[in-house]
Amino acid sequence: MVKINFMAMADSIKYKIAVYPGSFDPVTYGHLDILKRSLNVFDKVIVAVACNKKKPYLFPQITRIDLINRILSEDQEIEADRVSVIGLKGLLVKYVESIKAKVIIRGLRAVSDFEYELQLATTNRTLNSDIETIFMMTAEKYSFLSSTIVKEISRLGGDVSSMVPAIISEELLKIYSKGEKDETLM
């Protein structure tokens, strides 16, 4: 097995700041996997929590930001001082330009994610050809995981503690405390 020294690679990377955008509604272990691995490559990662007025969210943007910050403060594997969490409104490329960053991190779970992510990356490159998008594959054990799946399992009364940090699991339990009966089991 070839061992890659990411810290040596980071020293040779021209751009030290990356922006990791997403809705994070809610943040999952898959998201955190991408964040942790991004910190192996970049000095600083800015988690940009999106707010699309056309998309319904379970958690308001300010709550998602707060939850991520709480997770960062408790996660011993993440150097929280190297991560900033911001609320993103408007075009991602405009924000990346405003902080003089040059890299966008996007997580991929499976081939099915690639077409949409390629479309976004190509559009962003059309808007600013100096900004690069780097795709990172999530760890295999999280390749099935999405915020949508987590919400659905939780809504139906299932246990999501292996998919999300305890803080998220507790918040979902508050929202879906009564759960819904799965009619296929009746």
C-alpha atoms as a PDB file:
ATOM      1  CA  MET A   1       0.000   0.000   0.000  1.00  0.00           C
ATOM      2  CA  VAL A   2       1.359   3.387  -0.976  1.00  0.00           C
ATOM      3  CA  LYS A   3       1.313   5.890   1.858  1.00  0.00           C
ATOM      4  CA  ILE A   4       0.695   9.487   0.833  1.00  0.00           C
ATOM      5  CA  ASN A   5       2.101  12.293   2.938  1.00  0.00           C
ATOM      6  CA  PHE A   6      -0.676  14.862   2.655  1.00  0.00           C
ATOM      7  CA  MET A   7       1.166  17.384   4.828  1.00  0.00           C
ATOM      8  CA  ALA A   8       4.082  17.389   2.379  1.00  0.00           C
ATOM      9  CA  MET A   9       1.583  17.817  -0.439  1.00  0.00           C
ATOM     10  CA  ALA A  10      -0.057  20.712   1.397  1.00  0.00           C
ATOM     11  CA  ASP A  11       3.285  22.516   1.556  1.00  0.00           C
ATOM     12  CA  SER A  12       3.476  22.391  -2.219  1.00  0.00           C
ATOM     13  CA  ILE A  13      -0.093  23.516  -2.875  1.00  0.00           C
ATOM     14  CA  LYS A  14      -0.305  27.079  -4.098  1.00  0.00           C
ATOM     15  CA  TYR A  15      -3.690  27.746  -2.513  1.00  0.00           C
ATOM     16  CA  LYS A  16      -4.008  27.160   1.203  1.00  0.00           C
ATOM     17  CA  ILE A  17      -7.689  28.045   1.721  1.00  0.00           C
ATOM     18  CA  ALA A  18     -10.592  25.966   0.429  1.00  0.00           C
ATOM     19  CA  VAL A  19     -14.324  26.539   0.612  1.00  0.00           C
ATOM     20  CA  TYR A  20     -16.522  23.524   1.339  1.00  0.00           C
ATOM     21  CA  PRO A  21     -20.108  24.473   0.414  1.00  0.00           C
ATOM     22  CA  GLY A  22     -23.284  22.548   1.046  1.00  0.00           C
ATOM     23  CA  SER A  23     -26.681  22.666   2.656  1.00  0.00           C
ATOM     24  CA  PHE A  24     -25.599  20.430   5.574  1.00  0.00           C
ATOM     25  CA  ASP A  25     -29.267  19.840   6.476  1.00  0.00           C
ATOM     26  CA  PRO A  26     -28.209  18.100   8.651  1.00  0.00           C
ATOM     27  CA  VAL A  27     -24.466  17.526   8.664  1.00  0.00           C
ATOM     28  CA  THR A  28     -23.565  13.817   8.531  1.00  0.00           C
ATOM     29  CA  TYR A  29     -20.466  11.761   9.220  1.00  0.00           C
ATOM     30  CA  GLY A  30     -19.926  11.765   5.450  1.00  0.00           C
ATOM     31  CA  HIS A  31     -19.681  15.573   5.471  1.00  0.00           C
ATOM     32  CA  LEU A  32     -17.293  15.469   8.415  1.00  0.00           C
ATOM     33  CA  ASP A  33     -15.155  12.853   6.654  1.00  0.00           C
ATOM     34  CA  ILE A  34     -14.692  15.208   3.690  1.00  0.00           C
ATOM     35  CA  LEU A  35     -13.943  18.127   6.037  1.00  0.00           C
ATOM     36  CA  LYS A  36     -11.322  16.182   8.005  1.00  0.00           C
ATOM     37  CA  ARG A  37      -9.596  14.991   4.852  1.00  0.00           C
ATOM     38  CA  SER A  38      -9.695  18.489   3.366  1.00  0.00           C
ATOM     39  CA  LEU A  39      -7.771  19.696   6.400  1.00  0.00           C
ATOM     40  CA  ASN A  40      -5.035  17.213   5.457  1.00  0.00           C
ATOM     41  CA  VAL A  41      -4.547  19.194   2.261  1.00  0.00           C
ATOM     42  CA  PHE A  42      -5.459  22.803   3.082  1.00  0.00           C
ATOM     43  CA  ASP A  43      -4.424  25.089   5.925  1.00  0.00           C
ATOM     44  CA  LYS A  44      -7.939  26.418   6.335  1.00  0.00           C
ATOM     45  CA  VAL A  45     -11.358  25.213   5.228  1.00  0.00           C
ATOM     46  CA  ILE A  46     -14.382  27.452   5.210  1.00  0.00           C
ATOM     47  CA  VAL A  47     -17.638  25.549   5.520  1.00  0.00           C
ATOM     48  CA  ALA A  48     -20.177  27.596   3.569  1.00  0.00           C
ATOM     49  CA  VAL A  49     -23.701  26.707   4.662  1.00  0.00           C
ATOM     50  CA  ALA A  50     -25.997  27.402   1.727  1.00  0.00           C
ATOM     51  CA  CYS A  51     -29.425  28.949   1.791  1.00  0.00           C
ATOM     52  CA  ASN A  52     -31.440  28.370  -1.367  1.00  0.00           C
ATOM     53  CA  LYS A  53     -34.849  30.066  -1.099  1.00  0.00           C
ATOM     54  CA  LYS A  54     -36.337  27.452  -3.454  1.00  0.00           C
ATOM     55  CA  LYS A  55     -35.265  24.519  -1.268  1.00  0.00           C
ATOM     56  CA  PRO A  56     -37.136  23.537   1.894  1.00  0.00           C
ATOM     57  CA  TYR A  57     -34.805  22.990   4.847  1.00  0.00           C
ATOM     58  CA  LEU A  58     -35.479  21.087   8.048  1.00  0.00           C
ATOM     59  CA  PHE A  59     -33.143  23.397   9.975  1.00  0.00           C
ATOM     60  CA  PRO A  60     -32.864  27.162   9.364  1.00  0.00           C
ATOM     61  CA  GLN A  61     -29.460  28.297   8.111  1.00  0.00           C
ATOM     62  CA  ILE A  62     -28.502  29.882  11.448  1.00  0.00           C
ATOM     63  CA  THR A  63     -29.298  26.603  13.244  1.00  0.00           C
ATOM     64  CA  ARG A  64     -27.233  24.576  10.772  1.00  0.00           C
ATOM     65  CA  ILE A  65     -24.292  26.944  11.342  1.00  0.00           C
ATOM     66  CA  ASP A  66     -24.686  26.656  15.115  1.00  0.00           C
ATOM     67  CA  LEU A  67     -24.905  22.856  14.986  1.00  0.00           C
ATOM     68  CA  ILE A  68     -21.747  22.589  12.875  1.00  0.00           C
ATOM     69  CA  ASN A  69     -19.875  24.926  15.228  1.00  0.00           C
ATOM     70  CA  ARG A  70     -20.994  22.839  18.215  1.00  0.00           C
ATOM     71  CA  ILE A  71     -19.806  19.658  16.499  1.00  0.00           C
ATOM     72  CA  LEU A  72     -16.450  21.263  15.668  1.00  0.00           C
ATOM     73  CA  SER A  73     -15.943  22.333  19.283  1.00  0.00           C
ATOM     74  CA  GLU A  74     -16.473  18.745  20.482  1.00  0.00           C
ATOM     75  CA  ASP A  75     -14.729  16.744  17.743  1.00  0.00           C
ATOM     76  CA  GLN A  76     -11.171  15.965  18.856  1.00  0.00           C
ATOM     77  CA  GLU A  77     -10.181  14.932  15.311  1.00  0.00           C
ATOM     78  CA  ILE A  78     -10.869  18.352  13.819  1.00  0.00           C
ATOM     79  CA  GLU A  79      -8.654  21.331  14.499  1.00  0.00           C
ATOM     80  CA  ALA A  80     -11.547  23.764  14.907  1.00  0.00           C
ATOM     81  CA  ASP A  81      -9.246  26.804  14.691  1.00  0.00           C
ATOM     82  CA  ARG A  82      -8.570  25.839  11.054  1.00  0.00           C
ATOM     83  CA  VAL A  83     -12.261  25.784  10.157  1.00  0.00           C
ATOM     84  CA  SER A  84     -14.695  28.675   9.778  1.00  0.00           C
ATOM     85  CA  VAL A  85     -18.415  28.199   9.303  1.00  0.00           C
ATOM     86  CA  ILE A  86     -20.285  30.911   7.438  1.00  0.00           C
ATOM     87  CA  GLY A  87     -23.768  31.404   6.041  1.00  0.00           C
ATOM     88  CA  LEU A  88     -23.677  31.623   2.274  1.00  0.00           C
ATOM     89  CA  LYS A  89     -26.167  33.775   0.424  1.00  0.00           C
ATOM     90  CA  GLY A  90     -25.816  34.351  -3.287  1.00  0.00           C
ATOM     91  CA  LEU A  91     -23.327  32.928  -5.730  1.00  0.00           C
ATOM     92  CA  LEU A  92     -20.652  30.670  -4.313  1.00  0.00           C
ATOM     93  CA  VAL A  93     -18.105  31.967  -6.846  1.00  0.00           C
ATOM     94  CA  LYS A  94     -18.660  35.552  -5.685  1.00  0.00           C
ATOM     95  CA  TYR A  95     -17.973  34.521  -2.097  1.00  0.00           C
ATOM     96  CA  VAL A  96     -14.847  32.562  -3.061  1.00  0.00           C
ATOM     97  CA  GLU A  97     -13.613  35.603  -4.996  1.00  0.00           C
ATOM     98  CA  SER A  98     -14.354  37.928  -2.070  1.00  0.00           C
ATOM     99  CA  ILE A  99     -12.040  36.015   0.266  1.00  0.00           C
ATOM    100  CA  LYS A 100      -9.426  35.516  -2.458  1.00  0.00           C
ATOM    101  CA  ALA A 101      -9.667  31.734  -2.252  1.00  0.00           C
ATOM    102  CA  LYS A 102      -9.176  29.613  -5.355  1.00  0.00           C
ATOM    103  CA  VAL A 103     -10.493  26.170  -4.397  1.00  0.00           C
ATOM    104  CA  ILE A 104     -13.954  24.706  -3.882  1.00  0.00           C
ATOM    105  CA  ILE A 105     -14.221  21.272  -2.245  1.00  0.00           C
ATOM    106  CA  ARG A 106     -17.082  19.020  -3.304  1.00  0.00           C
ATOM    107  CA  GLY A 107     -17.788  15.612  -1.841  1.00  0.00           C
ATOM    108  CA  LEU A 108     -18.803  12.650  -3.959  1.00  0.00           C
ATOM    109  CA  ARG A 109     -20.495   9.536  -2.625  1.00  0.00           C
ATOM    110  CA  ALA A 110     -21.119   7.581  -5.799  1.00  0.00           C
ATOM    111  CA  VAL A 111     -21.091   7.904  -9.569  1.00  0.00           C
ATOM    112  CA  SER A 112     -24.685   9.182  -9.363  1.00  0.00           C
ATOM    113  CA  ASP A 113     -23.400  12.385  -7.677  1.00  0.00           C
ATOM    114  CA  PHE A 114     -20.872  13.061 -10.402  1.00  0.00           C
ATOM    115  CA  GLU A 115     -23.160  14.351 -13.159  1.00  0.00           C
ATOM    116  CA  TYR A 116     -24.709  17.048 -10.961  1.00  0.00           C
ATOM    117  CA  GLU A 117     -21.367  17.971  -9.390  1.00  0.00           C
ATOM    118  CA  LEU A 118     -19.712  18.194 -12.810  1.00  0.00           C
ATOM    119  CA  GLN A 119     -22.475  20.553 -13.940  1.00  0.00           C
ATOM    120  CA  LEU A 120     -21.883  22.787 -10.894  1.00  0.00           C
ATOM    121  CA  ALA A 121     -18.100  22.728 -11.301  1.00  0.00           C
ATOM    122  CA  THR A 122     -18.316  23.555 -14.999  1.00  0.00           C
ATOM    123  CA  THR A 123     -20.722  26.410 -14.311  1.00  0.00           C
ATOM    124  CA  ASN A 124     -18.460  27.795 -11.579  1.00  0.00           C
ATOM    125  CA  ARG A 125     -15.459  27.527 -13.903  1.00  0.00           C
ATOM    126  CA  THR A 126     -17.407  29.444 -16.562  1.00  0.00           C
ATOM    127  CA  LEU A 127     -18.068  32.191 -14.015  1.00  0.00           C
ATOM    128  CA  ASN A 128     -14.434  32.302 -12.887  1.00  0.00           C
ATOM    129  CA  SER A 129     -11.805  30.172 -14.585  1.00  0.00           C
ATOM    130  CA  ASP A 130      -9.291  30.872 -11.796  1.00  0.00           C
ATOM    131  CA  ILE A 131     -11.328  28.934  -9.229  1.00  0.00           C
ATOM    132  CA  GLU A 132     -10.747  25.189  -9.158  1.00  0.00           C
ATOM    133  CA  THR A 133     -13.167  22.539  -7.902  1.00  0.00           C
ATOM    134  CA  ILE A 134     -11.635  19.534  -6.215  1.00  0.00           C
ATOM    135  CA  PHE A 135     -13.741  16.421  -5.810  1.00  0.00           C
ATOM    136  CA  MET A 136     -13.169  14.192  -2.810  1.00  0.00           C
ATOM    137  CA  MET A 137     -14.706  10.760  -2.475  1.00  0.00           C
ATOM    138  CA  THR A 138     -16.199  10.136   0.918  1.00  0.00           C
ATOM    139  CA  ALA A 139     -15.036   7.091   2.846  1.00  0.00           C
ATOM    140  CA  GLU A 140     -16.664   3.906   1.591  1.00  0.00           C
ATOM    141  CA  LYS A 141     -18.569   3.398   4.839  1.00  0.00           C
ATOM    142  CA  TYR A 142     -20.392   6.701   4.207  1.00  0.00           C
ATOM    143  CA  SER A 143     -20.988   6.254   0.482  1.00  0.00           C
ATOM    144  CA  PHE A 144     -24.697   5.506   1.022  1.00  0.00           C
ATOM    145  CA  LEU A 145     -25.237   8.384   3.416  1.00  0.00           C
ATOM    146  CA  SER A 146     -27.118  11.580   2.620  1.00  0.00           C
ATOM    147  CA  SER A 147     -28.906  14.187   4.677  1.00  0.00           C
ATOM    148  CA  THR A 148     -32.140  13.190   2.946  1.00  0.00           C
ATOM    149  CA  ILE A 149     -31.760   9.556   4.018  1.00  0.00           C
ATOM    150  CA  VAL A 150     -30.928  10.600   7.584  1.00  0.00           C
ATOM    151  CA  LYS A 151     -34.027  12.798   7.790  1.00  0.00           C
ATOM    152  CA  GLU A 152     -36.259  10.070   6.378  1.00  0.00           C
ATOM    153  CA  ILE A 153     -34.980   7.402   8.768  1.00  0.00           C
ATOM    154  CA  SER A 154     -35.348   9.781  11.695  1.00  0.00           C
ATOM    155  CA  ARG A 155     -38.834  10.865  10.590  1.00  0.00           C
ATOM    156  CA  LEU A 156     -39.910   7.225  10.600  1.00  0.00           C
ATOM    157  CA  GLY A 157     -38.529   6.689  14.114  1.00  0.00           C
ATOM    158  CA  GLY A 158     -35.269   4.970  13.135  1.00  0.00           C
ATOM    159  CA  ASP A 159     -31.922   5.299  14.880  1.00  0.00           C
ATOM    160  CA  VAL A 160     -29.451   7.537  13.004  1.00  0.00           C
ATOM    161  CA  SER A 161     -26.778   7.646  15.712  1.00  0.00           C
ATOM    162  CA  SER A 162     -24.285   5.794  13.494  1.00  0.00           C
ATOM    163  CA  MET A 163     -24.807   8.310  10.682  1.00  0.00           C
ATOM    164  CA  VAL A 164     -24.617  11.671  12.434  1.00  0.00           C
ATOM    165  CA  PRO A 165     -22.958  13.183  15.506  1.00  0.00           C
ATOM    166  CA  ALA A 166     -24.910  12.921  18.774  1.00  0.00           C
ATOM    167  CA  ILE A 167     -25.846  16.612  18.627  1.00  0.00           C
ATOM    168  CA  ILE A 168     -27.617  16.057  15.304  1.00  0.00           C
ATOM    169  CA  SER A 169     -29.250  12.831  16.441  1.00  0.00           C
ATOM    170  CA  GLU A 170     -30.651  14.634  19.503  1.00  0.00           C
ATOM    171  CA  GLU A 171     -31.993  17.526  17.408  1.00  0.00           C
ATOM    172  CA  LEU A 172     -33.657  15.141  14.970  1.00  0.00           C
ATOM    173  CA  LEU A 173     -35.206  13.247  17.864  1.00  0.00           C
ATOM    174  CA  LYS A 174     -36.708  16.501  19.176  1.00  0.00           C
ATOM    175  CA  ILE A 175     -38.232  17.257  15.784  1.00  0.00           C
ATOM    176  CA  TYR A 176     -39.460  13.732  15.048  1.00  0.00           C
ATOM    177  CA  SER A 177     -40.082  12.597  18.627  1.00  0.00           C
ATOM    178  CA  LYS A 178     -43.430  11.036  17.791  1.00  0.00           C
ATOM    179  CA  GLY A 179     -42.189   9.509  14.546  1.00  0.00           C
ATOM    180  CA  GLU A 180     -44.463   8.126  11.881  1.00  0.00           C
ATOM    181  CA  LYS A 181     -45.541   4.544  11.692  1.00  0.00           C
ATOM    182  CA  ASP A 182     -44.156   2.564   8.794  1.00  0.00           C
ATOM    183  CA  GLU A 183     -47.323   1.080   7.358  1.00  0.00           C
ATOM    184  CA  THR A 184     -45.455  -1.817   5.750  1.00  0.00           C
ATOM    185  CA  LEU A 185     -44.894  -3.280   9.214  1.00  0.00           C
ATOM    186  CA  MET A 186     -48.554  -3.266  10.246  1.00  0.00           C
END
